[in-house]
Amino acid sequence: EATINKPDDVASPMGMKEAIAKSGSFLEANLAQADEPTPAADD
């Protein structure tokens, strides 16, 4: 439930960009690029 965006979260360009990044589509790519991969709690 905490990963689900509110309408205000996607009302700005940066908010939409972050919502896309945390949509699940880029989970493995984000983990692979991290210096110390940890589970993405907000993905």
PDB file of all heavy atoms in Angstrom:
ATOM      1  N   GLU A   1       0.828  -1.209   0.000  1.00  0.00           N
ATOM      2  CA  GLU A   1       0.000   0.000   0.000  1.00  0.00           C
ATOM      3  C   GLU A   1       0.861   1.258   0.000  1.00  0.00           C
ATOM      4  O   GLU A   1       0.509   2.259  -0.639  1.00  0.00           O
ATOM      5  CB  GLU A   1      -0.921  -0.011   1.215  1.00  0.00           C
ATOM      6  CG  GLU A   1      -1.956   1.097   1.210  1.00  0.00           C
ATOM      7  CD  GLU A   1      -2.940   0.986   2.355  1.00  0.00           C
ATOM      8  OE1 GLU A   1      -2.645   0.262   3.332  1.00  0.00           O
ATOM      9  OE2 GLU A   1      -4.013   1.609   2.273  1.00  0.00           O
ATOM     10  N   ALA A   2       2.011   1.191   0.680  1.00  0.00           N
ATOM     11  CA  ALA A   2       2.888   2.363   0.763  1.00  0.00           C
ATOM     12  C   ALA A   2       3.550   2.685  -0.575  1.00  0.00           C
ATOM     13  O   ALA A   2       4.005   3.818  -0.796  1.00  0.00           O
ATOM     14  CB  ALA A   2       3.956   2.139   1.831  1.00  0.00           C
ATOM     15  N   THR A   3       3.636   1.716  -1.487  1.00  0.00           N
ATOM     16  CA  THR A   3       4.266   1.966  -2.788  1.00  0.00           C
ATOM     17  C   THR A   3       3.322   2.628  -3.785  1.00  0.00           C
ATOM     18  O   THR A   3       3.754   3.056  -4.855  1.00  0.00           O
ATOM     19  CB  THR A   3       4.764   0.649  -3.421  1.00  0.00           C
ATOM     20  OG1 THR A   3       3.640  -0.190  -3.734  1.00  0.00           O
ATOM     21  CG2 THR A   3       5.699  -0.080  -2.488  1.00  0.00           C
ATOM     22  N   ILE A   4       2.032   2.697  -3.450  1.00  0.00           N
ATOM     23  CA  ILE A   4       1.049   3.229  -4.387  1.00  0.00           C
ATOM     24  C   ILE A   4       1.032   4.753  -4.313  1.00  0.00           C
ATOM     25  O   ILE A   4       0.890   5.340  -3.238  1.00  0.00           O
ATOM     26  CB  ILE A   4      -0.345   2.652  -4.090  1.00  0.00           C
ATOM     27  CG1 ILE A   4      -0.305   1.128  -4.273  1.00  0.00           C
ATOM     28  CG2 ILE A   4      -1.396   3.275  -4.996  1.00  0.00           C
ATOM     29  CD1 ILE A   4      -1.590   0.437  -3.908  1.00  0.00           C
ATOM     30  N   ASN A   5       1.190   5.392  -5.468  1.00  0.00           N
ATOM     31  CA  ASN A   5       1.262   6.845  -5.530  1.00  0.00           C
ATOM     32  C   ASN A   5      -0.106   7.483  -5.340  1.00  0.00           C
ATOM     33  O   ASN A   5      -1.145   6.899  -5.677  1.00  0.00           O
ATOM     34  CB  ASN A   5       1.823   7.288  -6.886  1.00  0.00           C
ATOM     35  CG  ASN A   5       3.263   6.866  -7.073  1.00  0.00           C
ATOM     36  OD1 ASN A   5       4.176   7.568  -6.654  1.00  0.00           O
ATOM     37  ND2 ASN A   5       3.465   5.720  -7.707  1.00  0.00           N
ATOM     38  N   LYS A   6      -0.102   8.693  -4.820  1.00  0.00           N
ATOM     39  CA  LYS A   6      -1.294   9.529  -4.740  1.00  0.00           C
ATOM     40  C   LYS A   6      -1.331  10.447  -5.965  1.00  0.00           C
ATOM     41  O   LYS A   6      -0.285  10.717  -6.573  1.00  0.00           O
ATOM     42  CB  LYS A   6      -1.287  10.343  -3.451  1.00  0.00           C
ATOM     43  CG  LYS A   6      -1.329   9.487  -2.189  1.00  0.00           C
ATOM     44  CD  LYS A   6      -1.267  10.356  -0.954  1.00  0.00           C
ATOM     45  CE  LYS A   6      -1.423   9.525   0.319  1.00  0.00           C
ATOM     46  NZ  LYS A   6      -0.363   8.493   0.431  1.00  0.00           N
ATOM     47  N   PRO A   7      -2.504  10.932  -6.341  1.00  0.00           N
ATOM     48  CA  PRO A   7      -2.582  11.818  -7.521  1.00  0.00           C
ATOM     49  C   PRO A   7      -1.626  13.002  -7.451  1.00  0.00           C
ATOM     50  O   PRO A   7      -1.032  13.381  -8.473  1.00  0.00           O
ATOM     51  CB  PRO A   7      -4.048  12.264  -7.508  1.00  0.00           C
ATOM     52  CG  PRO A   7      -4.777  11.135  -6.850  1.00  0.00           C
ATOM     53  CD  PRO A   7      -3.834  10.621  -5.791  1.00  0.00           C
ATOM     54  N   ASP A   8      -1.453  13.588  -6.271  1.00  0.00           N
ATOM     55  CA  ASP A   8      -0.542  14.728  -6.150  1.00  0.00           C
ATOM     56  C   ASP A   8       0.904  14.324  -6.422  1.00  0.00           C
ATOM     57  O   ASP A   8       1.715  15.161  -6.842  1.00  0.00           O
ATOM     58  CB  ASP A   8      -0.649  15.348  -4.752  1.00  0.00           C
ATOM     59  CG  ASP A   8      -1.972  16.078  -4.542  1.00  0.00           C
ATOM     60  OD1 ASP A   8      -2.653  16.360  -5.558  1.00  0.00           O
ATOM     61  OD2 ASP A   8      -2.330  16.346  -3.380  1.00  0.00           O
ATOM     62  N   ASP A   9       1.242  13.060  -6.181  1.00  0.00           N
ATOM     63  CA  ASP A   9       2.618  12.605  -6.383  1.00  0.00           C
ATOM     64  C   ASP A   9       3.022  12.660  -7.855  1.00  0.00           C
ATOM     65  O   ASP A   9       4.199  12.846  -8.180  1.00  0.00           O
ATOM     66  CB  ASP A   9       2.797  11.174  -5.871  1.00  0.00           C
ATOM     67  CG  ASP A   9       2.588  11.056  -4.374  1.00  0.00           C
ATOM     68  OD1 ASP A   9       2.774  12.069  -3.678  1.00  0.00           O
ATOM     69  OD2 ASP A   9       2.240   9.954  -3.900  1.00  0.00           O
ATOM     70  N   VAL A  10       2.053  12.472  -8.756  1.00  0.00           N
ATOM     71  CA  VAL A  10       2.377  12.441 -10.187  1.00  0.00           C
ATOM     72  C   VAL A  10       1.955  13.723 -10.895  1.00  0.00           C
ATOM     73  O   VAL A  10       1.922  13.777 -12.124  1.00  0.00           O
ATOM     74  CB  VAL A  10       1.709  11.223 -10.862  1.00  0.00           C
ATOM     75  CG1 VAL A  10       2.256   9.931 -10.277  1.00  0.00           C
ATOM     76  CG2 VAL A  10       0.187  11.270 -10.708  1.00  0.00           C
ATOM     77  N   ALA A  11       1.627  14.752 -10.124  1.00  0.00           N
ATOM     78  CA  ALA A  11       1.160  16.013 -10.710  1.00  0.00           C
ATOM     79  C   ALA A  11       2.307  16.888 -11.191  1.00  0.00           C
ATOM     80  O   ALA A  11       2.084  17.857 -11.917  1.00  0.00           O
ATOM     81  CB  ALA A  11       0.317  16.785  -9.691  1.00  0.00           C
ATOM     82  N   SER A  12       3.540  16.564 -10.803  1.00  0.00           N
ATOM     83  CA  SER A  12       4.706  17.341 -11.224  1.00  0.00           C
ATOM     84  C   SER A  12       5.623  16.462 -12.071  1.00  0.00           C
ATOM     85  O   SER A  12       5.586  15.229 -11.961  1.00  0.00           O
ATOM     86  CB  SER A  12       5.478  17.856  -9.996  1.00  0.00           C
ATOM     87  OG  SER A  12       6.049  16.761  -9.278  1.00  0.00           O
ATOM     88  N   PRO A  13       6.467  17.063 -12.910  1.00  0.00           N
ATOM     89  CA  PRO A  13       7.383  16.261 -13.730  1.00  0.00           C
ATOM     90  C   PRO A  13       8.296  15.358 -12.912  1.00  0.00           C
ATOM     91  O   PRO A  13       8.473  14.178 -13.237  1.00  0.00           O
ATOM     92  CB  PRO A  13       8.184  17.319 -14.495  1.00  0.00           C
ATOM     93  CG  PRO A  13       7.276  18.508 -14.566  1.00  0.00           C
ATOM     94  CD  PRO A  13       6.523  18.489 -13.267  1.00  0.00           C
ATOM     95  N   MET A  14       8.858  15.875 -11.825  1.00  0.00           N
ATOM     96  CA  MET A  14       9.750  15.059 -11.000  1.00  0.00           C
ATOM     97  C   MET A  14       8.978  13.946 -10.297  1.00  0.00           C
ATOM     98  O   MET A  14       9.473  12.827 -10.148  1.00  0.00           O
ATOM     99  CB  MET A  14      10.470  15.940  -9.972  1.00  0.00           C
ATOM    100  CG  MET A  14      11.532  16.846 -10.580  1.00  0.00           C
ATOM    101  SD  MET A  14      12.771  15.920 -11.536  1.00  0.00           S
ATOM    102  CE  MET A  14      13.447  14.869 -10.237  1.00  0.00           C
ATOM    103  N   GLY A  15       7.735  14.264  -9.876  1.00  0.00           N
ATOM    104  CA  GLY A  15       6.926  13.235  -9.234  1.00  0.00           C
ATOM    105  C   GLY A  15       6.584  12.106 -10.188  1.00  0.00           C
ATOM    106  O   GLY A  15       6.627  10.925  -9.829  1.00  0.00           O
ATOM    107  N   MET A  16       6.235  12.461 -11.429  1.00  0.00           N
ATOM    108  CA  MET A  16       5.937  11.438 -12.427  1.00  0.00           C
ATOM    109  C   MET A  16       7.185  10.617 -12.745  1.00  0.00           C
ATOM    110  O   MET A  16       7.112   9.382 -12.891  1.00  0.00           O
ATOM    111  CB  MET A  16       5.387  12.094 -13.691  1.00  0.00           C
ATOM    112  CG  MET A  16       5.111  11.116 -14.829  1.00  0.00           C
ATOM    113  SD  MET A  16       3.858   9.861 -14.414  1.00  0.00           S
ATOM    114  CE  MET A  16       2.366  10.851 -14.569  1.00  0.00           C
ATOM    115  N   LYS A  17       8.322  11.267 -12.856  1.00  0.00           N
ATOM    116  CA  LYS A  17       9.570  10.555 -13.136  1.00  0.00           C
ATOM    117  C   LYS A  17       9.867   9.539 -12.038  1.00  0.00           C
ATOM    118  O   LYS A  17      10.260   8.396 -12.313  1.00  0.00           O
ATOM    119  CB  LYS A  17      10.721  11.558 -13.259  1.00  0.00           C
ATOM    120  CG  LYS A  17      12.056  10.917 -13.592  1.00  0.00           C
ATOM    121  CD  LYS A  17      13.145  11.984 -13.747  1.00  0.00           C
ATOM    122  CE  LYS A  17      14.493  11.339 -14.070  1.00  0.00           C
ATOM    123  NZ  LYS A  17      15.560  12.371 -14.245  1.00  0.00           N
ATOM    124  N   GLU A  18       9.668   9.943 -10.793  1.00  0.00           N
ATOM    125  CA  GLU A  18       9.920   9.030  -9.677  1.00  0.00           C
ATOM    126  C   GLU A  18       8.909   7.882  -9.663  1.00  0.00           C
ATOM    127  O   GLU A  18       9.257   6.737  -9.378  1.00  0.00           O
ATOM    128  CB  GLU A  18       9.858   9.796  -8.351  1.00  0.00           C
ATOM    129  CG  GLU A  18      10.200   8.931  -7.152  1.00  0.00           C
ATOM    130  CD  GLU A  18      10.251   9.725  -5.861  1.00  0.00           C
ATOM    131  OE1 GLU A  18      10.211  10.974  -5.927  1.00  0.00           O
ATOM    132  OE2 GLU A  18      10.331   9.090  -4.791  1.00  0.00           O
ATOM    133  N   ALA A  19       7.647   8.186  -9.982  1.00  0.00           N
ATOM    134  CA  ALA A  19       6.622   7.141 -10.016  1.00  0.00           C
ATOM    135  C   ALA A  19       6.945   6.105 -11.086  1.00  0.00           C
ATOM    136  O   ALA A  19       6.754   4.895 -10.889  1.00  0.00           O
ATOM    137  CB  ALA A  19       5.254   7.757 -10.268  1.00  0.00           C
ATOM    138  N   ILE A  20       7.437   6.546 -12.245  1.00  0.00           N
ATOM    139  CA  ILE A  20       7.835   5.619 -13.307  1.00  0.00           C
ATOM    140  C   ILE A  20       9.003   4.755 -12.848  1.00  0.00           C
ATOM    141  O   ILE A  20       9.032   3.541 -13.066  1.00  0.00           O
ATOM    142  CB  ILE A  20       8.192   6.400 -14.586  1.00  0.00           C
ATOM    143  CG1 ILE A  20       6.933   7.046 -15.177  1.00  0.00           C
ATOM    144  CG2 ILE A  20       8.860   5.488 -15.613  1.00  0.00           C
ATOM    145  CD1 ILE A  20       7.215   7.983 -16.336  1.00  0.00           C
ATOM    146  N   ALA A  21       9.968   5.386 -12.189  1.00  0.00           N
ATOM    147  CA  ALA A  21      11.148   4.648 -11.720  1.00  0.00           C
ATOM    148  C   ALA A  21      10.789   3.591 -10.695  1.00  0.00           C
ATOM    149  O   ALA A  21      11.451   2.547 -10.605  1.00  0.00           O
ATOM    150  CB  ALA A  21      12.168   5.625 -11.138  1.00  0.00           C
ATOM    151  N   LYS A  22       9.745   3.829  -9.900  1.00  0.00           N
ATOM    152  CA  LYS A  22       9.358   2.900  -8.831  1.00  0.00           C
ATOM    153  C   LYS A  22       8.166   2.027  -9.221  1.00  0.00           C
ATOM    154  O   LYS A  22       7.564   1.377  -8.370  1.00  0.00           O
ATOM    155  CB  LYS A  22       9.003   3.696  -7.567  1.00  0.00           C
ATOM    156  CG  LYS A  22      10.144   4.559  -7.026  1.00  0.00           C
ATOM    157  CD  LYS A  22      11.363   3.734  -6.656  1.00  0.00           C
ATOM    158  CE  LYS A  22      12.451   4.621  -6.036  1.00  0.00           C
ATOM    159  NZ  LYS A  22      13.654   3.823  -5.686  1.00  0.00           N
ATOM    160  N   SER A  23       7.842   1.979 -10.517  1.00  0.00           N
ATOM    161  CA  SER A  23       6.672   1.214 -10.967  1.00  0.00           C
ATOM    162  C   SER A  23       6.901  -0.286 -10.981  1.00  0.00           C
ATOM    163  O   SER A  23       5.970  -1.056 -11.201  1.00  0.00           O
ATOM    164  CB  SER A  23       6.282   1.671 -12.373  1.00  0.00           C
ATOM    165  OG  SER A  23       7.312   1.344 -13.298  1.00  0.00           O
ATOM    166  N   GLY A  24       8.127  -0.709 -10.771  1.00  0.00           N
ATOM    167  CA  GLY A  24       8.476  -2.132 -10.841  1.00  0.00           C
ATOM    168  C   GLY A  24       9.197  -2.492 -12.105  1.00  0.00           C
ATOM    169  O   GLY A  24       9.912  -3.489 -12.168  1.00  0.00           O
ATOM    170  N   SER A  25       9.051  -1.672 -13.146  1.00  0.00           N
ATOM    171  CA  SER A  25       9.667  -1.974 -14.433  1.00  0.00           C
ATOM    172  C   SER A  25      11.182  -1.887 -14.409  1.00  0.00           C
ATOM    173  O   SER A  25      11.857  -2.486 -15.248  1.00  0.00           O
ATOM    174  CB  SER A  25       9.124  -1.011 -15.502  1.00  0.00           C
ATOM    175  OG  SER A  25       7.726  -1.157 -15.653  1.00  0.00           O
ATOM    176  N   PHE A  26      11.732  -1.149 -13.442  1.00  0.00           N
ATOM    177  CA  PHE A  26      13.173  -0.913 -13.424  1.00  0.00           C
ATOM    178  C   PHE A  26      13.821  -1.439 -12.143  1.00  0.00           C
ATOM    179  O   PHE A  26      14.929  -1.030 -11.798  1.00  0.00           O
ATOM    180  CB  PHE A  26      13.452   0.586 -13.579  1.00  0.00           C
ATOM    181  CG  PHE A  26      12.765   1.191 -14.767  1.00  0.00           C
ATOM    182  CD1 PHE A  26      11.552   1.849 -14.623  1.00  0.00           C
ATOM    183  CD2 PHE A  26      13.300   1.073 -16.035  1.00  0.00           C
ATOM    184  CE1 PHE A  26      10.900   2.396 -15.720  1.00  0.00           C
ATOM    185  CE2 PHE A  26      12.654   1.618 -17.134  1.00  0.00           C
ATOM    186  CZ  PHE A  26      11.453   2.279 -16.976  1.00  0.00           C
ATOM    187  N   LEU A  27      13.153  -2.348 -11.439  1.00  0.00           N
ATOM    188  CA  LEU A  27      13.670  -2.834 -10.155  1.00  0.00           C
ATOM    189  C   LEU A  27      15.058  -3.441 -10.306  1.00  0.00           C
ATOM    190  O   LEU A  27      16.008  -3.046  -9.624  1.00  0.00           O
ATOM    191  CB  LEU A  27      12.706  -3.866  -9.558  1.00  0.00           C
ATOM    192  CG  LEU A  27      13.219  -4.597  -8.312  1.00  0.00           C
ATOM    193  CD1 LEU A  27      13.457  -3.622  -7.165  1.00  0.00           C
ATOM    194  CD2 LEU A  27      12.240  -5.696  -7.893  1.00  0.00           C
ATOM    195  N   GLU A  28      15.178  -4.426 -11.197  1.00  0.00           N
ATOM    196  CA  GLU A  28      16.465  -5.122 -11.332  1.00  0.00           C
ATOM    197  C   GLU A  28      17.560  -4.186 -11.844  1.00  0.00           C
ATOM    198  O   GLU A  28      18.711  -4.260 -11.403  1.00  0.00           O
ATOM    199  CB  GLU A  28      16.313  -6.323 -12.274  1.00  0.00           C
ATOM    200  CG  GLU A  28      15.489  -7.473 -11.702  1.00  0.00           C
ATOM    201  CD  GLU A  28      13.984  -7.239 -11.778  1.00  0.00           C
ATOM    202  OE1 GLU A  28      13.569  -6.213 -12.360  1.00  0.00           O
ATOM    203  OE2 GLU A  28      13.230  -8.076 -11.275  1.00  0.00           O
ATOM    204  N   ALA A  29      17.202  -3.273 -12.761  1.00  0.00           N
ATOM    205  CA  ALA A  29      18.196  -2.331 -13.281  1.00  0.00           C
ATOM    206  C   ALA A  29      18.693  -1.401 -12.172  1.00  0.00           C
ATOM    207  O   ALA A  29      19.888  -1.118 -12.072  1.00  0.00           O
ATOM    208  CB  ALA A  29      17.591  -1.516 -14.427  1.00  0.00           C
ATOM    209  N   ASN A  30      17.774  -0.951 -11.321  1.00  0.00           N
ATOM    210  CA  ASN A  30      18.168  -0.078 -10.216  1.00  0.00           C
ATOM    211  C   ASN A  30      19.048  -0.814  -9.211  1.00  0.00           C
ATOM    212  O   ASN A  30      20.029  -0.260  -8.699  1.00  0.00           O
ATOM    213  CB  ASN A  30      16.933   0.486  -9.510  1.00  0.00           C
ATOM    214  CG  ASN A  30      16.167   1.461 -10.388  1.00  0.00           C
ATOM    215  OD1 ASN A  30      16.729   2.077 -11.280  1.00  0.00           O
ATOM    216  ND2 ASN A  30      14.875   1.604 -10.136  1.00  0.00           N
ATOM    217  N   LEU A  31      18.728  -2.070  -8.925  1.00  0.00           N
ATOM    218  CA  LEU A  31      19.539  -2.847  -7.996  1.00  0.00           C
ATOM    219  C   LEU A  31      20.925  -3.113  -8.562  1.00  0.00           C
ATOM    220  O   LEU A  31      21.924  -3.100  -7.841  1.00  0.00           O
ATOM    221  CB  LEU A  31      18.847  -4.173  -7.671  1.00  0.00           C
ATOM    222  CG  LEU A  31      17.547  -4.076  -6.861  1.00  0.00           C
ATOM    223  CD1 LEU A  31      16.936  -5.464  -6.684  1.00  0.00           C
ATOM    224  CD2 LEU A  31      17.806  -3.435  -5.496  1.00  0.00           C
ATOM    225  N   ALA A  32      21.002  -3.355  -9.875  1.00  0.00           N
ATOM    226  CA  ALA A  32      22.290  -3.651 -10.501  1.00  0.00           C
ATOM    227  C   ALA A  32      23.205  -2.434 -10.508  1.00  0.00           C
ATOM    228  O   ALA A  32      24.431  -2.569 -10.456  1.00  0.00           O
ATOM    229  CB  ALA A  32      22.071  -4.154 -11.925  1.00  0.00           C
ATOM    230  N   GLN A  33      22.612  -1.237 -10.559  1.00  0.00           N
ATOM    231  CA  GLN A  33      23.412  -0.013 -10.618  1.00  0.00           C
ATOM    232  C   GLN A  33      23.812   0.495  -9.245  1.00  0.00           C
ATOM    233  O   GLN A  33      24.708   1.316  -9.125  1.00  0.00           O
ATOM    234  CB  GLN A  33      22.634   1.078 -11.355  1.00  0.00           C
ATOM    235  CG  GLN A  33      22.414   0.770 -12.830  1.00  0.00           C
ATOM    236  CD  GLN A  33      21.517   1.795 -13.508  1.00  0.00           C
ATOM    237  OE1 GLN A  33      21.077   2.754 -12.864  1.00  0.00           O
ATOM    238  NE2 GLN A  33      21.246   1.587 -14.787  1.00  0.00           N
ATOM    239  N   ALA A  34      23.157  -0.009  -8.195  1.00  0.00           N
ATOM    240  CA  ALA A  34      23.448   0.474  -6.842  1.00  0.00           C
ATOM    241  C   ALA A  34      24.811  -0.043  -6.375  1.00  0.00           C
ATOM    242  O   ALA A  34      25.223  -1.151  -6.702  1.00  0.00           O
ATOM    243  CB  ALA A  34      22.356   0.015  -5.881  1.00  0.00           C
ATOM    244  N   ASP A  35      25.525   0.793  -5.610  1.00  0.00           N
ATOM    245  CA  ASP A  35      26.825   0.380  -5.066  1.00  0.00           C
ATOM    246  C   ASP A  35      26.665  -0.777  -4.087  1.00  0.00           C
ATOM    247  O   ASP A  35      27.459  -1.712  -4.083  1.00  0.00           O
ATOM    248  CB  ASP A  35      27.496   1.564  -4.366  1.00  0.00           C
ATOM    249  CG  ASP A  35      27.844   2.673  -5.356  1.00  0.00           C
ATOM    250  OD1 ASP A  35      28.065   2.352  -6.541  1.00  0.00           O
ATOM    251  OD2 ASP A  35      27.886   3.835  -4.935  1.00  0.00           O
ATOM    252  N   GLU A  36      25.633  -0.701  -3.250  1.00  0.00           N
ATOM    253  CA  GLU A  36      25.331  -1.761  -2.299  1.00  0.00           C
ATOM    254  C   GLU A  36      23.865  -2.126  -2.466  1.00  0.00           C
ATOM    255  O   GLU A  36      22.993  -1.548  -1.810  1.00  0.00           O
ATOM    256  CB  GLU A  36      25.613  -1.307  -0.866  1.00  0.00           C
ATOM    257  CG  GLU A  36      27.082  -0.972  -0.610  1.00  0.00           C
ATOM    258  CD  GLU A  36      27.322  -0.559   0.828  1.00  0.00           C
ATOM    259  OE1 GLU A  36      26.342  -0.562   1.612  1.00  0.00           O
ATOM    260  OE2 GLU A  36      28.466  -0.232   1.177  1.00  0.00           O
ATOM    261  N   PRO A  37      23.577  -3.092  -3.358  1.00  0.00           N
ATOM    262  CA  PRO A  37      22.171  -3.430  -3.639  1.00  0.00           C
ATOM    263  C   PRO A  37      21.404  -3.822  -2.392  1.00  0.00           C
ATOM    264  O   PRO A  37      21.834  -4.660  -1.607  1.00  0.00           O
ATOM    265  CB  PRO A  37      22.295  -4.621  -4.600  1.00  0.00           C
ATOM    266  CG  PRO A  37      23.650  -4.460  -5.224  1.00  0.00           C
ATOM    267  CD  PRO A  37      24.513  -3.884  -4.143  1.00  0.00           C
ATOM    268  N   THR A  38      20.277  -3.184  -2.190  1.00  0.00           N
ATOM    269  CA  THR A  38      19.373  -3.523  -1.087  1.00  0.00           C
ATOM    270  C   THR A  38      17.959  -3.546  -1.643  1.00  0.00           C
ATOM    271  O   THR A  38      17.661  -2.873  -2.636  1.00  0.00           O
ATOM    272  CB  THR A  38      19.456  -2.482   0.048  1.00  0.00           C
ATOM    273  OG1 THR A  38      19.174  -1.191  -0.491  1.00  0.00           O
ATOM    274  CG2 THR A  38      20.838  -2.479   0.672  1.00  0.00           C
ATOM    275  N   PRO A  39      17.066  -4.315  -1.025  1.00  0.00           N
ATOM    276  CA  PRO A  39      15.685  -4.348  -1.522  1.00  0.00           C
ATOM    277  C   PRO A  39      15.075  -2.957  -1.564  1.00  0.00           C
ATOM    278  O   PRO A  39      15.210  -2.179  -0.631  1.00  0.00           O
ATOM    279  CB  PRO A  39      14.973  -5.244  -0.497  1.00  0.00           C
ATOM    280  CG  PRO A  39      16.059  -6.102   0.063  1.00  0.00           C
ATOM    281  CD  PRO A  39      17.284  -5.218   0.099  1.00  0.00           C
ATOM    282  N   ALA A  40      14.426  -2.628  -2.671  1.00  0.00           N
ATOM    283  CA  ALA A  40      13.805  -1.306  -2.824  1.00  0.00           C
ATOM    284  C   ALA A  40      12.447  -1.317  -2.153  1.00  0.00           C
ATOM    285  O   ALA A  40      11.487  -1.851  -2.679  1.00  0.00           O
ATOM    286  CB  ALA A  40      13.684  -0.958  -4.299  1.00  0.00           C
ATOM    287  N   ALA A  41      12.352  -0.722  -0.981  1.00  0.00           N
ATOM    288  CA  ALA A  41      11.130  -0.794  -0.180  1.00  0.00           C
ATOM    289  C   ALA A  41       9.971  -0.075  -0.840  1.00  0.00           C
ATOM    290  O   ALA A  41       8.814  -0.408  -0.604  1.00  0.00           O
ATOM    291  CB  ALA A  41      11.390  -0.208   1.210  1.00  0.00           C
ATOM    292  N   ASP A  42      10.275   0.949  -1.654  1.00  0.00           N
ATOM    293  CA  ASP A  42       9.194   1.721  -2.263  1.00  0.00           C
ATOM    294  C   ASP A  42       8.964   1.345  -3.717  1.00  0.00           C
ATOM    295  O   ASP A  42       8.301   2.077  -4.447  1.00  0.00           O
ATOM    296  CB  ASP A  42       9.488   3.223  -2.150  1.00  0.00           C
ATOM    297  CG  ASP A  42      10.856   3.586  -2.721  1.00  0.00           C
ATOM    298  OD1 ASP A  42      11.630   2.672  -3.037  1.00  0.00           O
ATOM    299  OD2 ASP A  42      11.136   4.788  -2.856  1.00  0.00           O
ATOM    300  N   ASP A  43       9.487   0.221  -4.169  1.00  0.00           N
ATOM    301  CA  ASP A  43       9.276  -0.244  -5.535  1.00  0.00           C
ATOM    302  C   ASP A  43       8.086  -1.199  -5.570  1.00  0.00           C
ATOM    303  O   ASP A  43       7.966  -2.105  -4.739  1.00  0.00           O
ATOM    304  CB  ASP A  43      10.535  -0.945  -6.047  1.00  0.00           C
ATOM    305  CG  ASP A  43      10.402  -1.360  -7.501  1.00  0.00           C
ATOM    306  OD1 ASP A  43       9.844  -2.453  -7.768  1.00  0.00           O
ATOM    307  OD2 ASP A  43      10.835  -0.603  -8.372  1.00  0.00           O
TER     308      ASP A  43
END
